[in-house]
Each structure stands twice: as structure tokens, then as C-alpha cells.
Amino acid sequence: MSVFDRFWWRPFGKVAEIEAVDLKARLDRREPVQLIDVRSAGEYTAGHIAGAVNVPIDQLRARLPELALDPARPVVAICFSAHRSPPAVRVLRQAGFDARQLRGGLIAWRRHKLPLVKGAHS
């Protein structure tokens, strides 16, 4: 395994972002946003944004084809504190998607008292 393969997911550099309140407004307007939650399954089950699909960051690259994401629709990568989502944005952009991270992660989402759902599925 190369050094790159072991550390590709680390958060180096800046990526495009969306603010929590802006994402909530888009979801409320039923805009076609695709949500990928890159936290662990346990974190996801404890609380996630409705409509988010859970794919842990270390599985994203391998599982990307099975997600059947629409390249015409924007993708938002979500994690707890915006440290795992930057590499997800890079993977998604390399695959041709208009991707960005939720700025501040779910910490920011919760700071604005925005809703989360619990359980394994949205």
C-alpha cells in the first residue's frame, strides 16, 4: 500500500463549502441536492440530516459507483466537524460531481438548531 493510499482521506487544503442555513433553505425548497454523510454508521444512526446517505469516508472511493449519484445534481458531503468531508469533496470532484462540504459539519447544523433524524435510514 502506497503512502497516498494510506493517507488520501486526510483534510489537506480548502474545498468548496455550503453554510448550514443555506443547505437547509435548499432542502426546504426541495432543490435536488444529494447528501453524503461520511461519518461512521454509529454516528449516522445517532443523528443525521434527513435524506443523507451514509458512506463512511474510508469506503467512499470504493462505493461511489453503487451510489448512482446524478452528475447533474450538486452533492454535499457531511461529517461531524468538517474534518472528514474535505477528502470526500475531493473524491466526488475527481469523479465529476459538483461537490462541497457542509461548513462546520453537524456542529454548525446543530448550532442553528436544525433538525436531525435518528436511525439507520432517512
PDB file of N, CA and C in Angstrom:
ATOM      1  N   MET A   1       0.851  -1.173   0.000  1.00  0.00           N
ATOM      2  CA  MET A   1       0.000   0.000   0.000  1.00  0.00           C
ATOM      3  C   MET A   1       0.899   1.241   0.000  1.00  0.00           C
ATOM      4  N   SER A   2       0.605   2.164  -0.903  1.00  0.00           N
ATOM      5  CA  SER A   2       1.411   3.379  -1.000  1.00  0.00           C
ATOM      6  C   SER A   2       1.050   4.357   0.123  1.00  0.00           C
ATOM      7  N   VAL A   3       1.916   5.329   0.320  1.00  0.00           N
ATOM      8  CA  VAL A   3       1.644   6.380   1.309  1.00  0.00           C
ATOM      9  C   VAL A   3       0.364   7.118   0.934  1.00  0.00           C
ATOM     10  N   PHE A   4       0.183   7.394  -0.358  1.00  0.00           N
ATOM     11  CA  PHE A   4      -1.039   8.073  -0.804  1.00  0.00           C
ATOM     12  C   PHE A   4      -2.272   7.259  -0.438  1.00  0.00           C
ATOM     13  N   ASP A   5      -2.238   5.953  -0.683  1.00  0.00           N
ATOM     14  CA  ASP A   5      -3.387   5.100  -0.381  1.00  0.00           C
ATOM     15  C   ASP A   5      -3.725   5.114   1.108  1.00  0.00           C
ATOM     16  N   ARG A   6      -2.720   5.244   1.953  1.00  0.00           N
ATOM     17  CA  ARG A   6      -2.954   5.235   3.393  1.00  0.00           C
ATOM     18  C   ARG A   6      -3.471   6.567   3.912  1.00  0.00           C
ATOM     19  N   PHE A   7      -3.135   7.669   3.236  1.00  0.00           N
ATOM     20  CA  PHE A   7      -3.457   8.986   3.786  1.00  0.00           C
ATOM     21  C   PHE A   7      -4.288   9.876   2.871  1.00  0.00           C
ATOM     22  N   TRP A   8      -4.870   9.362   1.790  1.00  0.00           N
ATOM     23  CA  TRP A   8      -5.606  10.183   0.829  1.00  0.00           C
ATOM     24  C   TRP A   8      -6.761  10.936   1.480  1.00  0.00           C
ATOM     25  N   TRP A   9      -7.324  10.397   2.529  1.00  0.00           N
ATOM     26  CA  TRP A   9      -8.515  10.973   3.145  1.00  0.00           C
ATOM     27  C   TRP A   9      -8.219  12.136   4.082  1.00  0.00           C
ATOM     28  N   ARG A  10      -6.961  12.375   4.402  1.00  0.00           N
ATOM     29  CA  ARG A  10      -6.649  13.460   5.338  1.00  0.00           C
ATOM     30  C   ARG A  10      -7.032  14.819   4.756  1.00  0.00           C
ATOM     31  N   PRO A  11      -7.484  15.742   5.599  1.00  0.00           N
ATOM     32  CA  PRO A  11      -8.014  17.028   5.128  1.00  0.00           C
ATOM     33  C   PRO A  11      -6.957  18.080   4.799  1.00  0.00           C
ATOM     34  N   PHE A  12      -6.330  17.982   3.631  1.00  0.00           N
ATOM     35  CA  PHE A  12      -5.337  18.971   3.210  1.00  0.00           C
ATOM     36  C   PHE A  12      -5.992  19.993   2.298  1.00  0.00           C
ATOM     37  N   GLY A  13      -5.816  21.269   2.597  1.00  0.00           N
ATOM     38  CA  GLY A  13      -6.320  22.326   1.726  1.00  0.00           C
ATOM     39  C   GLY A  13      -7.801  22.603   1.895  1.00  0.00           C
ATOM     40  N   LYS A  14      -8.238  23.645   1.192  1.00  0.00           N
ATOM     41  CA  LYS A  14      -9.632  24.080   1.272  1.00  0.00           C
ATOM     42  C   LYS A  14     -10.458  23.456   0.155  1.00  0.00           C
ATOM     43  N   VAL A  15     -11.743  23.324   0.431  1.00  0.00           N
ATOM     44  CA  VAL A  15     -12.696  22.833  -0.568  1.00  0.00           C
ATOM     45  C   VAL A  15     -13.913  23.751  -0.559  1.00  0.00           C
ATOM     46  N   ALA A  16     -14.744  23.640  -1.584  1.00  0.00           N
ATOM     47  CA  ALA A  16     -15.984  24.417  -1.652  1.00  0.00           C
ATOM     48  C   ALA A  16     -16.881  24.036  -0.475  1.00  0.00           C
ATOM     49  N   GLU A  17     -17.634  25.014   0.012  1.00  0.00           N
ATOM     50  CA  GLU A  17     -18.480  24.795   1.183  1.00  0.00           C
ATOM     51  C   GLU A  17     -19.872  25.380   0.980  1.00  0.00           C
ATOM     52  N   ILE A  18     -20.802  24.912   1.815  1.00  0.00           N
ATOM     53  CA  ILE A  18     -22.130  25.496   1.902  1.00  0.00           C
ATOM     54  C   ILE A  18     -22.444  25.668   3.382  1.00  0.00           C
ATOM     55  N   GLU A  19     -23.044  26.789   3.734  1.00  0.00           N
ATOM     56  CA  GLU A  19     -23.433  27.071   5.119  1.00  0.00           C
ATOM     57  C   GLU A  19     -24.651  26.227   5.497  1.00  0.00           C
ATOM     58  N   ALA A  20     -24.767  25.902   6.770  1.00  0.00           N
ATOM     59  CA  ALA A  20     -25.882  25.088   7.256  1.00  0.00           C
ATOM     60  C   ALA A  20     -27.233  25.710   6.908  1.00  0.00           C
ATOM     61  N   VAL A  21     -27.398  27.003   7.149  1.00  0.00           N
ATOM     62  CA  VAL A  21     -28.695  27.638   6.884  1.00  0.00           C
ATOM     63  C   VAL A  21     -29.005  27.659   5.382  1.00  0.00           C
ATOM     64  N   ASP A  22     -27.980  27.775   4.549  1.00  0.00           N
ATOM     65  CA  ASP A  22     -28.198  27.752   3.100  1.00  0.00           C
ATOM     66  C   ASP A  22     -28.598  26.357   2.630  1.00  0.00           C
ATOM     67  N   LEU A  23     -27.960  25.325   3.188  1.00  0.00           N
ATOM     68  CA  LEU A  23     -28.336  23.958   2.834  1.00  0.00           C
ATOM     69  C   LEU A  23     -29.770  23.685   3.270  1.00  0.00           C
ATOM     70  N   LYS A  24     -30.125  24.089   4.477  1.00  0.00           N
ATOM     71  CA  LYS A  24     -31.498  23.877   4.969  1.00  0.00           C
ATOM     72  C   LYS A  24     -32.496  24.576   4.061  1.00  0.00           C
ATOM     73  N   ALA A  25     -32.190  25.791   3.619  1.00  0.00           N
ATOM     74  CA  ALA A  25     -33.093  26.525   2.720  1.00  0.00           C
ATOM     75  C   ALA A  25     -33.253  25.778   1.398  1.00  0.00           C
ATOM     76  N   ARG A  26     -32.167  25.248   0.869  1.00  0.00           N
ATOM     77  CA  ARG A  26     -32.256  24.477  -0.384  1.00  0.00           C
ATOM     78  C   ARG A  26     -33.109  23.228  -0.197  1.00  0.00           C
ATOM     79  N   LEU A  27     -32.918  22.556   0.924  1.00  0.00           N
ATOM     80  CA  LEU A  27     -33.716  21.358   1.191  1.00  0.00           C
ATOM     81  C   LEU A  27     -35.189  21.724   1.359  1.00  0.00           C
ATOM     82  N   ASP A  28     -35.468  22.822   2.042  1.00  0.00           N
ATOM     83  CA  ASP A  28     -36.852  23.269   2.226  1.00  0.00           C
ATOM     84  C   ASP A  28     -37.512  23.621   0.895  1.00  0.00           C
ATOM     85  N   ARG A  29     -36.723  24.136  -0.044  1.00  0.00           N
ATOM     86  CA  ARG A  29     -37.240  24.458  -1.381  1.00  0.00           C
ATOM     87  C   ARG A  29     -37.276  23.222  -2.288  1.00  0.00           C
ATOM     88  N   ARG A  30     -36.896  22.099  -1.734  1.00  0.00           N
ATOM     89  CA  ARG A  30     -36.865  20.818  -2.456  1.00  0.00           C
ATOM     90  C   ARG A  30     -35.941  20.857  -3.676  1.00  0.00           C
ATOM     91  N   GLU A  31     -34.845  21.606  -3.540  1.00  0.00           N
ATOM     92  CA  GLU A  31     -33.843  21.605  -4.603  1.00  0.00           C
ATOM     93  C   GLU A  31     -33.184  20.227  -4.636  1.00  0.00           C
ATOM     94  N   PRO A  32     -32.756  19.786  -5.801  1.00  0.00           N
ATOM     95  CA  PRO A  32     -32.230  18.422  -5.951  1.00  0.00           C
ATOM     96  C   PRO A  32     -30.796  18.257  -5.439  1.00  0.00           C
ATOM     97  N   VAL A  33     -30.612  18.412  -4.142  1.00  0.00           N
ATOM     98  CA  VAL A  33     -29.295  18.265  -3.524  1.00  0.00           C
ATOM     99  C   VAL A  33     -29.125  16.826  -3.045  1.00  0.00           C
ATOM    100  N   GLN A  34     -27.963  16.246  -3.318  1.00  0.00           N
ATOM    101  CA  GLN A  34     -27.643  14.893  -2.867  1.00  0.00           C
ATOM    102  C   GLN A  34     -26.736  15.004  -1.647  1.00  0.00           C
ATOM    103  N   LEU A  35     -27.077  14.296  -0.566  1.00  0.00           N
ATOM    104  CA  LEU A  35     -26.343  14.384   0.692  1.00  0.00           C
ATOM    105  C   LEU A  35     -25.613  13.081   0.978  1.00  0.00           C
ATOM    106  N   ILE A  36     -24.300  13.174   1.214  1.00  0.00           N
ATOM    107  CA  ILE A  36     -23.494  12.013   1.576  1.00  0.00           C
ATOM    108  C   ILE A  36     -22.910  12.270   2.959  1.00  0.00           C
ATOM    109  N   ASP A  37     -23.294  11.453   3.930  1.00  0.00           N
ATOM    110  CA  ASP A  37     -22.791  11.563   5.298  1.00  0.00           C
ATOM    111  C   ASP A  37     -21.615  10.599   5.423  1.00  0.00           C
ATOM    112  N   VAL A  38     -20.412  11.136   5.626  1.00  0.00           N
ATOM    113  CA  VAL A  38     -19.207  10.309   5.606  1.00  0.00           C
ATOM    114  C   VAL A  38     -18.740   9.885   6.999  1.00  0.00           C
ATOM    115  N   ARG A  39     -19.604  10.013   7.998  1.00  0.00           N
ATOM    116  CA  ARG A  39     -19.272   9.557   9.348  1.00  0.00           C
ATOM    117  C   ARG A  39     -19.467   8.046   9.447  1.00  0.00           C
ATOM    118  N   SER A  40     -19.119   7.482  10.588  1.00  0.00           N
ATOM    119  CA  SER A  40     -19.315   6.051  10.818  1.00  0.00           C
ATOM    120  C   SER A  40     -20.809   5.735  10.884  1.00  0.00           C
ATOM    121  N   ALA A  41     -21.133   4.463  10.723  1.00  0.00           N
ATOM    122  CA  ALA A  41     -22.536   4.035  10.784  1.00  0.00           C
ATOM    123  C   ALA A  41     -23.156   4.374  12.140  1.00  0.00           C
ATOM    124  N   GLY A  42     -22.403   4.214  13.215  1.00  0.00           N
ATOM    125  CA  GLY A  42     -22.915   4.528  14.547  1.00  0.00           C
ATOM    126  C   GLY A  42     -23.222   6.005  14.724  1.00  0.00           C
ATOM    127  N   GLU A  43     -22.340   6.855  14.218  1.00  0.00           N
ATOM    128  CA  GLU A  43     -22.575   8.302  14.291  1.00  0.00           C
ATOM    129  C   GLU A  43     -23.809   8.678  13.476  1.00  0.00           C
ATOM    130  N   TYR A  44     -23.930   8.092  12.294  1.00  0.00           N
ATOM    131  CA  TYR A  44     -25.060   8.369  11.402  1.00  0.00           C
ATOM    132  C   TYR A  44     -26.374   7.980  12.077  1.00  0.00           C
ATOM    133  N   THR A  45     -26.418   6.783  12.649  1.00  0.00           N
ATOM    134  CA  THR A  45     -27.633   6.289  13.295  1.00  0.00           C
ATOM    135  C   THR A  45     -28.050   7.181  14.464  1.00  0.00           C
ATOM    136  N   ALA A  46     -27.083   7.745  15.160  1.00  0.00           N
ATOM    137  CA  ALA A  46     -27.376   8.606  16.316  1.00  0.00           C
ATOM    138  C   ALA A  46     -28.026   9.927  15.918  1.00  0.00           C
ATOM    139  N   GLY A  47     -27.859  10.345  14.668  1.00  0.00           N
ATOM    140  CA  GLY A  47     -28.493  11.572  14.198  1.00  0.00           C
ATOM    141  C   GLY A  47     -27.873  12.066  12.915  1.00  0.00           C
ATOM    142  N   HIS A  48     -28.713  12.264  11.890  1.00  0.00           N
ATOM    143  CA  HIS A  48     -28.232  12.724  10.585  1.00  0.00           C
ATOM    144  C   HIS A  48     -29.281  13.612   9.927  1.00  0.00           C
ATOM    145  N   ILE A  49     -28.873  14.302   8.886  1.00  0.00           N
ATOM    146  CA  ILE A  49     -29.788  15.149   8.129  1.00  0.00           C
ATOM    147  C   ILE A  49     -30.683  14.250   7.281  1.00  0.00           C
ATOM    148  N   ALA A  50     -31.974  14.515   7.304  1.00  0.00           N
ATOM    149  CA  ALA A  50     -32.928  13.715   6.527  1.00  0.00           C
ATOM    150  C   ALA A  50     -32.515  13.693   5.059  1.00  0.00           C
ATOM    151  N   GLY A  51     -32.536  12.506   4.482  1.00  0.00           N
ATOM    152  CA  GLY A  51     -32.188  12.340   3.077  1.00  0.00           C
ATOM    153  C   GLY A  51     -30.739  11.997   2.832  1.00  0.00           C
ATOM    154  N   ALA A  52     -29.897  12.083   3.866  1.00  0.00           N
ATOM    155  CA  ALA A  52     -28.474  11.776   3.700  1.00  0.00           C
ATOM    156  C   ALA A  52     -28.253  10.272   3.600  1.00  0.00           C
ATOM    157  N   VAL A  53     -27.333   9.895   2.730  1.00  0.00           N
ATOM    158  CA  VAL A  53     -26.916   8.506   2.576  1.00  0.00           C
ATOM    159  C   VAL A  53     -25.600   8.345   3.322  1.00  0.00           C
ATOM    160  N   ASN A  54     -25.481   7.280   4.107  1.00  0.00           N
ATOM    161  CA  ASN A  54     -24.266   7.061   4.889  1.00  0.00           C
ATOM    162  C   ASN A  54     -23.256   6.209   4.132  1.00  0.00           C
ATOM    163  N   VAL A  55     -22.086   6.789   3.884  1.00  0.00           N
ATOM    164  CA  VAL A  55     -20.952   6.072   3.306  1.00  0.00           C
ATOM    165  C   VAL A  55     -19.716   6.563   4.061  1.00  0.00           C
ATOM    166  N   PRO A  56     -19.214   5.781   5.012  1.00  0.00           N
ATOM    167  CA  PRO A  56     -18.037   6.222   5.757  1.00  0.00           C
ATOM    168  C   PRO A  56     -16.894   6.625   4.818  1.00  0.00           C
ATOM    169  N   ILE A  57     -16.148   7.642   5.209  1.00  0.00           N
ATOM    170  CA  ILE A  57     -15.124   8.217   4.352  1.00  0.00           C
ATOM    171  C   ILE A  57     -14.147   7.171   3.825  1.00  0.00           C
ATOM    172  N   ASP A  58     -13.790   6.194   4.630  1.00  0.00           N
ATOM    173  CA  ASP A  58     -12.823   5.201   4.166  1.00  0.00           C
ATOM    174  C   ASP A  58     -13.412   4.225   3.149  1.00  0.00           C
ATOM    175  N   GLN A  59     -14.711   4.293   2.900  1.00  0.00           N
ATOM    176  CA  GLN A  59     -15.369   3.435   1.912  1.00  0.00           C
ATOM    177  C   GLN A  59     -15.845   4.199   0.679  1.00  0.00           C
ATOM    178  N   LEU A  60     -15.784   5.516   0.719  1.00  0.00           N
ATOM    179  CA  LEU A  60     -16.400   6.325  -0.335  1.00  0.00           C
ATOM    180  C   LEU A  60     -15.860   6.021  -1.721  1.00  0.00           C
ATOM    181  N   ARG A  61     -14.555   6.020  -1.881  1.00  0.00           N
ATOM    182  CA  ARG A  61     -13.968   5.802  -3.203  1.00  0.00           C
ATOM    183  C   ARG A  61     -14.432   4.464  -3.795  1.00  0.00           C
ATOM    184  N   ALA A  62     -14.412   3.409  -3.009  1.00  0.00           N
ATOM    185  CA  ALA A  62     -14.796   2.080  -3.494  1.00  0.00           C
ATOM    186  C   ALA A  62     -16.292   1.963  -3.755  1.00  0.00           C
ATOM    187  N   ARG A  63     -17.106   2.646  -2.962  1.00  0.00           N
ATOM    188  CA  ARG A  63     -18.558   2.510  -3.077  1.00  0.00           C
ATOM    189  C   ARG A  63     -19.217   3.546  -3.977  1.00  0.00           C
ATOM    190  N   LEU A  64     -18.447   4.474  -4.502  1.00  0.00           N
ATOM    191  CA  LEU A  64     -19.006   5.544  -5.328  1.00  0.00           C
ATOM    192  C   LEU A  64     -19.873   5.025  -6.472  1.00  0.00           C
ATOM    193  N   PRO A  65     -19.441   4.001  -7.217  1.00  0.00           N
ATOM    194  CA  PRO A  65     -20.286   3.526  -8.324  1.00  0.00           C
ATOM    195  C   PRO A  65     -21.666   3.024  -7.876  1.00  0.00           C
ATOM    196  N   GLU A  66     -21.753   2.392  -6.721  1.00  0.00           N
ATOM    197  CA  GLU A  66     -23.035   1.844  -6.265  1.00  0.00           C
ATOM    198  C   GLU A  66     -24.011   2.924  -5.805  1.00  0.00           C
ATOM    199  N   LEU A  67     -23.516   4.129  -5.545  1.00  0.00           N
ATOM    200  CA  LEU A  67     -24.388   5.206  -5.075  1.00  0.00           C
ATOM    201  C   LEU A  67     -25.295   5.752  -6.170  1.00  0.00           C
ATOM    202  N   ALA A  68     -24.914   5.568  -7.414  1.00  0.00           N
ATOM    203  CA  ALA A  68     -25.708   6.038  -8.560  1.00  0.00           C
ATOM    204  C   ALA A  68     -26.087   7.513  -8.412  1.00  0.00           C
ATOM    205  N   LEU A  69     -25.105   8.329  -8.061  1.00  0.00           N
ATOM    206  CA  LEU A  69     -25.345   9.768  -7.933  1.00  0.00           C
ATOM    207  C   LEU A  69     -25.586  10.384  -9.299  1.00  0.00           C
ATOM    208  N   ASP A  70     -26.405  11.419  -9.334  1.00  0.00           N
ATOM    209  CA  ASP A  70     -26.721  12.134 -10.568  1.00  0.00           C
ATOM    210  C   ASP A  70     -25.697  13.252 -10.754  1.00  0.00           C
ATOM    211  N   PRO A  71     -24.873  13.185 -11.806  1.00  0.00           N
ATOM    212  CA  PRO A  71     -23.855  14.220 -12.001  1.00  0.00           C
ATOM    213  C   PRO A  71     -24.434  15.603 -12.291  1.00  0.00           C
ATOM    214  N   ALA A  72     -25.715  15.686 -12.608  1.00  0.00           N
ATOM    215  CA  ALA A  72     -26.353  16.978 -12.879  1.00  0.00           C
ATOM    216  C   ALA A  72     -26.834  17.661 -11.594  1.00  0.00           C
ATOM    217  N   ARG A  73     -26.778  16.942 -10.482  1.00  0.00           N
ATOM    218  CA  ARG A  73     -27.239  17.485  -9.202  1.00  0.00           C
ATOM    219  C   ARG A  73     -26.066  17.708  -8.252  1.00  0.00           C
ATOM    220  N   PRO A  74     -26.058  18.805  -7.498  1.00  0.00           N
ATOM    221  CA  PRO A  74     -24.962  19.041  -6.553  1.00  0.00           C
ATOM    222  C   PRO A  74     -24.956  18.016  -5.419  1.00  0.00           C
ATOM    223  N   VAL A  75     -23.760  17.773  -4.888  1.00  0.00           N
ATOM    224  CA  VAL A  75     -23.572  16.829  -3.787  1.00  0.00           C
ATOM    225  C   VAL A  75     -22.961  17.583  -2.610  1.00  0.00           C
ATOM    226  N   VAL A  76     -23.500  17.325  -1.415  1.00  0.00           N
ATOM    227  CA  VAL A  76     -22.939  17.915  -0.200  1.00  0.00           C
ATOM    228  C   VAL A  76     -22.430  16.784   0.682  1.00  0.00           C
ATOM    229  N   ALA A  77     -21.145  16.856   1.044  1.00  0.00           N
ATOM    230  CA  ALA A  77     -20.534  15.888   1.954  1.00  0.00           C
ATOM    231  C   ALA A  77     -20.668  16.419   3.377  1.00  0.00           C
ATOM    232  N   ILE A  78     -21.061  15.529   4.279  1.00  0.00           N
ATOM    233  CA  ILE A  78     -21.352  15.913   5.659  1.00  0.00           C
ATOM    234  C   ILE A  78     -20.556  15.034   6.613  1.00  0.00           C
ATOM    235  N   CYS A  79     -19.979  15.661   7.642  1.00  0.00           N
ATOM    236  CA  CYS A  79     -19.373  14.916   8.737  1.00  0.00           C
ATOM    237  C   CYS A  79     -19.659  15.681  10.029  1.00  0.00           C
ATOM    238  N   PHE A  80     -19.029  15.311  11.113  1.00  0.00           N
ATOM    239  CA  PHE A  80     -19.334  15.953  12.389  1.00  0.00           C
ATOM    240  C   PHE A  80     -18.776  17.370  12.480  1.00  0.00           C
ATOM    241  N   SER A  81     -17.492  17.530  12.129  1.00  0.00           N
ATOM    242  CA  SER A  81     -16.848  18.831  12.346  1.00  0.00           C
ATOM    243  C   SER A  81     -16.149  19.394  11.115  1.00  0.00           C
ATOM    244  N   ALA A  82     -16.441  18.857   9.950  1.00  0.00           N
ATOM    245  CA  ALA A  82     -15.843  19.298   8.681  1.00  0.00           C
ATOM    246  C   ALA A  82     -14.372  18.927   8.562  1.00  0.00           C
ATOM    247  N   HIS A  83     -13.965  17.822   9.179  1.00  0.00           N
ATOM    248  CA  HIS A  83     -12.604  17.321   9.016  1.00  0.00           C
ATOM    249  C   HIS A  83     -12.554  16.086   8.122  1.00  0.00           C
ATOM    250  N   ARG A  84     -13.620  15.315   8.067  1.00  0.00           N
ATOM    251  CA  ARG A  84     -13.656  14.144   7.185  1.00  0.00           C
ATOM    252  C   ARG A  84     -14.275  14.463   5.834  1.00  0.00           C
ATOM    253  N   SER A  85     -15.031  15.540   5.750  1.00  0.00           N
ATOM    254  CA  SER A  85     -15.708  15.846   4.487  1.00  0.00           C
ATOM    255  C   SER A  85     -14.816  16.435   3.398  1.00  0.00           C
ATOM    256  N   PRO A  86     -13.736  17.179   3.680  1.00  0.00           N
ATOM    257  CA  PRO A  86     -12.912  17.683   2.572  1.00  0.00           C
ATOM    258  C   PRO A  86     -12.377  16.597   1.640  1.00  0.00           C
ATOM    259  N   PRO A  87     -11.856  15.482   2.163  1.00  0.00           N
ATOM    260  CA  PRO A  87     -11.404  14.455   1.225  1.00  0.00           C
ATOM    261  C   PRO A  87     -12.559  13.840   0.433  1.00  0.00           C
ATOM    262  N   ALA A  88     -13.742  13.799   1.027  1.00  0.00           N
ATOM    263  CA  ALA A  88     -14.910  13.299   0.295  1.00  0.00           C
ATOM    264  C   ALA A  88     -15.232  14.227  -0.869  1.00  0.00           C
ATOM    265  N   VAL A  89     -15.150  15.526  -0.626  1.00  0.00           N
ATOM    266  CA  VAL A  89     -15.393  16.501  -1.696  1.00  0.00           C
ATOM    267  C   VAL A  89     -14.385  16.288  -2.817  1.00  0.00           C
ATOM    268  N   ARG A  90     -13.124  16.061  -2.466  1.00  0.00           N
ATOM    269  CA  ARG A  90     -12.101  15.838  -3.498  1.00  0.00           C
ATOM    270  C   ARG A  90     -12.397  14.590  -4.330  1.00  0.00           C
ATOM    271  N   VAL A  91     -12.780  13.509  -3.672  1.00  0.00           N
ATOM    272  CA  VAL A  91     -13.120  12.271  -4.386  1.00  0.00           C
ATOM    273  C   VAL A  91     -14.295  12.522  -5.321  1.00  0.00           C
ATOM    274  N   LEU A  92     -15.315  13.193  -4.828  1.00  0.00           N
ATOM    275  CA  LEU A  92     -16.508  13.466  -5.632  1.00  0.00           C
ATOM    276  C   LEU A  92     -16.182  14.385  -6.811  1.00  0.00           C
ATOM    277  N   ARG A  93     -15.380  15.393  -6.585  1.00  0.00           N
ATOM    278  CA  ARG A  93     -14.999  16.302  -7.681  1.00  0.00           C
ATOM    279  C   ARG A  93     -14.147  15.582  -8.721  1.00  0.00           C
ATOM    280  N   GLN A  94     -13.248  14.722  -8.277  1.00  0.00           N
ATOM    281  CA  GLN A  94     -12.437  13.946  -9.218  1.00  0.00           C
ATOM    282  C   GLN A  94     -13.319  13.048 -10.080  1.00  0.00           C
ATOM    283  N   ALA A  95     -14.454  12.636  -9.530  1.00  0.00           N
ATOM    284  CA  ALA A  95     -15.393  11.787 -10.269  1.00  0.00           C
ATOM    285  C   ALA A  95     -16.358  12.611 -11.122  1.00  0.00           C
ATOM    286  N   GLY A  96     -16.207  13.936 -11.117  1.00  0.00           N
ATOM    287  CA  GLY A  96     -17.014  14.786 -11.984  1.00  0.00           C
ATOM    288  C   GLY A  96     -18.239  15.424 -11.362  1.00  0.00           C
ATOM    289  N   PHE A  97     -18.380  15.346 -10.049  1.00  0.00           N
ATOM    290  CA  PHE A  97     -19.554  15.913  -9.383  1.00  0.00           C
ATOM    291  C   PHE A  97     -19.291  17.332  -8.891  1.00  0.00           C
ATOM    292  N   ASP A  98     -20.344  18.138  -8.860  1.00  0.00           N
ATOM    293  CA  ASP A  98     -20.313  19.465  -8.249  1.00  0.00           C
ATOM    294  C   ASP A  98     -20.495  19.226  -6.756  1.00  0.00           C
ATOM    295  N   ALA A  99     -19.390  19.131  -6.029  1.00  0.00           N
ATOM    296  CA  ALA A  99     -19.447  18.751  -4.619  1.00  0.00           C
ATOM    297  C   ALA A  99     -18.892  19.852  -3.730  1.00  0.00           C
ATOM    298  N   ARG A 100     -19.434  19.900  -2.517  1.00  0.00           N
ATOM    299  CA  ARG A 100     -18.957  20.829  -1.495  1.00  0.00           C
ATOM    300  C   ARG A 100     -19.222  20.195  -0.140  1.00  0.00           C
ATOM    301  N   GLN A 101     -18.626  20.737   0.889  1.00  0.00           N
ATOM    302  CA  GLN A 101     -18.860  20.218   2.233  1.00  0.00           C
ATOM    303  C   GLN A 101     -19.798  21.142   2.998  1.00  0.00           C
ATOM    304  N   LEU A 102     -20.452  20.583   4.001  1.00  0.00           N
ATOM    305  CA  LEU A 102     -21.238  21.386   4.932  1.00  0.00           C
ATOM    306  C   LEU A 102     -20.244  22.104   5.839  1.00  0.00           C
ATOM    307  N   ARG A 103     -20.181  23.412   5.724  1.00  0.00           N
ATOM    308  CA  ARG A 103     -19.205  24.185   6.503  1.00  0.00           C
ATOM    309  C   ARG A 103     -19.475  24.022   7.996  1.00  0.00           C
ATOM    310  N   GLY A 104     -18.454  23.592   8.720  1.00  0.00           N
ATOM    311  CA  GLY A 104     -18.601  23.387  10.161  1.00  0.00           C
ATOM    312  C   GLY A 104     -19.245  22.066  10.522  1.00  0.00           C
ATOM    313  N   GLY A 105     -19.643  21.275   9.520  1.00  0.00           N
ATOM    314  CA  GLY A 105     -20.238  19.962   9.762  1.00  0.00           C
ATOM    315  C   GLY A 105     -21.522  20.028  10.575  1.00  0.00           C
ATOM    316  N   LEU A 106     -21.821  18.908  11.217  1.00  0.00           N
ATOM    317  CA  LEU A 106     -23.046  18.852  12.014  1.00  0.00           C
ATOM    318  C   LEU A 106     -22.961  19.715  13.267  1.00  0.00           C
ATOM    319  N   ILE A 107     -21.762  20.104  13.652  1.00  0.00           N
ATOM    320  CA  ILE A 107     -21.647  21.060  14.763  1.00  0.00           C
ATOM    321  C   ILE A 107     -22.359  22.357  14.375  1.00  0.00           C
ATOM    322  N   ALA A 108     -22.102  22.842  13.167  1.00  0.00           N
ATOM    323  CA  ALA A 108     -22.759  24.069  12.692  1.00  0.00           C
ATOM    324  C   ALA A 108     -24.257  23.851  12.512  1.00  0.00           C
ATOM    325  N   TRP A 109     -24.642  22.699  11.981  1.00  0.00           N
ATOM    326  CA  TRP A 109     -26.059  22.371  11.782  1.00  0.00           C
ATOM    327  C   TRP A 109     -26.794  22.445  13.123  1.00  0.00           C
ATOM    328  N   ARG A 110     -26.204  21.830  14.144  1.00  0.00           N
ATOM    329  CA  ARG A 110     -26.817  21.832  15.478  1.00  0.00           C
ATOM    330  C   ARG A 110     -26.808  23.225  16.108  1.00  0.00           C
ATOM    331  N   ARG A 111     -25.767  23.995  15.858  1.00  0.00           N
ATOM    332  CA  ARG A 111     -25.678  25.351  16.403  1.00  0.00           C
ATOM    333  C   ARG A 111     -26.886  26.179  15.960  1.00  0.00           C
ATOM    334  N   HIS A 112     -27.363  25.920  14.754  1.00  0.00           N
ATOM    335  CA  HIS A 112     -28.529  26.631  14.226  1.00  0.00           C
ATOM    336  C   HIS A 112     -29.842  25.936  14.601  1.00  0.00           C
ATOM    337  N   LYS A 113     -29.741  24.895  15.425  1.00  0.00           N
ATOM    338  CA  LYS A 113     -30.915  24.148  15.895  1.00  0.00           C
ATOM    339  C   LYS A 113     -31.731  23.569  14.734  1.00  0.00           C
ATOM    340  N   LEU A 114     -31.034  23.076  13.729  1.00  0.00           N
ATOM    341  CA  LEU A 114     -31.689  22.468  12.570  1.00  0.00           C
ATOM    342  C   LEU A 114     -31.950  20.997  12.863  1.00  0.00           C
ATOM    343  N   PRO A 115     -32.964  20.413  12.234  1.00  0.00           N
ATOM    344  CA  PRO A 115     -33.400  19.066  12.601  1.00  0.00           C
ATOM    345  C   PRO A 115     -32.471  17.946  12.135  1.00  0.00           C
ATOM    346  N   LEU A 116     -32.424  16.911  12.963  1.00  0.00           N
ATOM    347  CA  LEU A 116     -31.740  15.666  12.636  1.00  0.00           C
ATOM    348  C   LEU A 116     -32.734  14.533  12.826  1.00  0.00           C
ATOM    349  N   VAL A 117     -32.523  13.453  12.107  1.00  0.00           N
ATOM    350  CA  VAL A 117     -33.331  12.256  12.296  1.00  0.00           C
ATOM    351  C   VAL A 117     -32.422  11.156  12.826  1.00  0.00           C
ATOM    352  N   LYS A 118     -33.004  10.224  13.564  1.00  0.00           N
ATOM    353  CA  LYS A 118     -32.241   9.112  14.130  1.00  0.00           C
ATOM    354  C   LYS A 118     -32.635   7.824  13.434  1.00  0.00           C
ATOM    355  N   GLY A 119     -31.733   6.866  13.469  1.00  0.00           N
ATOM    356  CA  GLY A 119     -31.991   5.573  12.870  1.00  0.00           C
ATOM    357  C   GLY A 119     -31.076   5.323  11.687  1.00  0.00           C
ATOM    358  N   ALA A 120     -31.159   4.115  11.173  1.00  0.00           N
ATOM    359  CA  ALA A 120     -30.259   3.696  10.101  1.00  0.00           C
ATOM    360  C   ALA A 120     -30.656   4.229   8.736  1.00  0.00           C
ATOM    361  N   HIS A 121     -31.880   4.695   8.570  1.00  0.00           N
ATOM    362  CA  HIS A 121     -32.336   5.179   7.264  1.00  0.00           C
ATOM    363  C   HIS A 121     -33.079   6.498   7.425  1.00  0.00           C
ATOM    364  N   SER A 122     -32.988   7.339   6.394  1.00  0.00           N
ATOM    365  CA  SER A 122     -33.715   8.623   6.410  1.00  0.00           C
ATOM    366  C   SER A 122     -35.131   8.425   5.941  1.00  0.00           C
TER     367      SER A 122
END
